[in-house]
């Protein structure tokens, strides 16, 4: 089934997307996200332990009680700790959901999960994560961090401290109250999105209730995603009654969550979560632009005109509220950045890093690894934007000649693979000219869903003025913004 957003989902994308853009959003990740990656659920983890107790895990609803019964019987939780280690250190691969979440511009993540998929996903996305596994970690800061991950129930790396039993839950406020206090503060100040979370955890319910008591109707609006499948055809008898019962129960839970400011976002299938999050990411990224290009040879425009054009593109990105993302490419990147910084100097509001992100290419310790390092760097930068602008694209071939830039071509290939829009300024020649010819012949492959044939034509018109080229470029960028707005 092809996913299409509902009106409520569109409203969520706009509202939560704005919170992400303003850096006041947070995520709460529950066990459902880890189960989709292949980790066992609680019932599967505790099946053997329940059998040893003479109980049937499929007939139990209070699984925390099972862990407590086991500890009561054995006088130790060593077996549960080992089960946790055995199951949650398996080589499970992160899902597309993890990858999308890792690219979102969020700096605060909370989770009750014990596994380390989130940490690995963020690190794979090139982000520095400050992981808070214990109370002692709350007083420590990883300098240069991109985000903080709060593992409020502990981590598989320290199973002996994980929150698993009734004793652990009953002593939570005594032993881990700083987690509760920190979460309360974030719930007051940030807009949360809950993913894969069932809201059966007593600690979370108490924290939500406390925030509600303090703020009443003034609490922030949050969101959670839950699955509610449409009624299957042909249901009769007990199957029909069971289905209707589950629907009523889900509706009551959704209504109850509104007491805490949490709006339920329904999806029909779990598979719809991925396109929903991709649409959210596209909305957030729509105002971020990566400028690809290099110029050892400044023909056909000449050095003065090409560098002026690059500076004007950079300046106008800042002036019109876009975010520039740059790898500081030779002959082009520095002039785009210079134009952006000059424009930024005249603006007195906002954080510079929210308007201009400069990440020069890293130097690999082993020259044989440089190509792979460059590719990862390009993927990281381009994953953060909605559009790639291409200027020129040439380099010295090492023997006095000029060749087309394979690096710029790779950036465009990455953009296509990640579903980004590509705007080639054909008048700047070289790779950009080659790409412009392809774009004119097949616009949807470069600018899908947009009717921008006229400004795209200007970008390859050698008689067009510099003003006309810049105006045409930003006419397309504005169309990208509108197209990504649900």
Foldseek 3Di string as FASTA:
>chain_A
DDDDDDPVLLVCLVPQLVLLLVQQAEEEEECQQVVVLPFDDLLVLCQVLQVVVVHGSVVDDPSLASQVVSCVVVVDNVVSLVSLLVRQVDPTAHDLVLLLVLLGQYAEYEYQDAHCNNVVNVVLLVFAEQEAQAPVSVVDDDPPGSHYYYNLQGHSVCSVRGQRHPVSLVCCCVGPVVVLVVVLVSQQRHAYEYERDDPPRPSVVVSLVVSCVVQPPNTEAYEYEDEQAPDDPPDDDPRVVVNVVVVVVVVVVQVVCVSSNYHYDYDNDPVVVSVSSVLSLLLSQLQEEEEDEAPPPQPDVDLVLLLVLLLVLLQVSQVVPGAYEYQQYYSRSVSSVVSVVVNVVPDDDDDPCSRYHYHHQDDDPDPVCSVVSLLSVLLSRLSRHQEYEYAAAWDDPPPRDIAGHPSSVSSVVSCLVSVHAYQQLLLSDGPSVVVLVVCLVPVCSRQNPFDLNVLSVLSNDNVDDSVSVSVSVVVSSVRSNVVSND
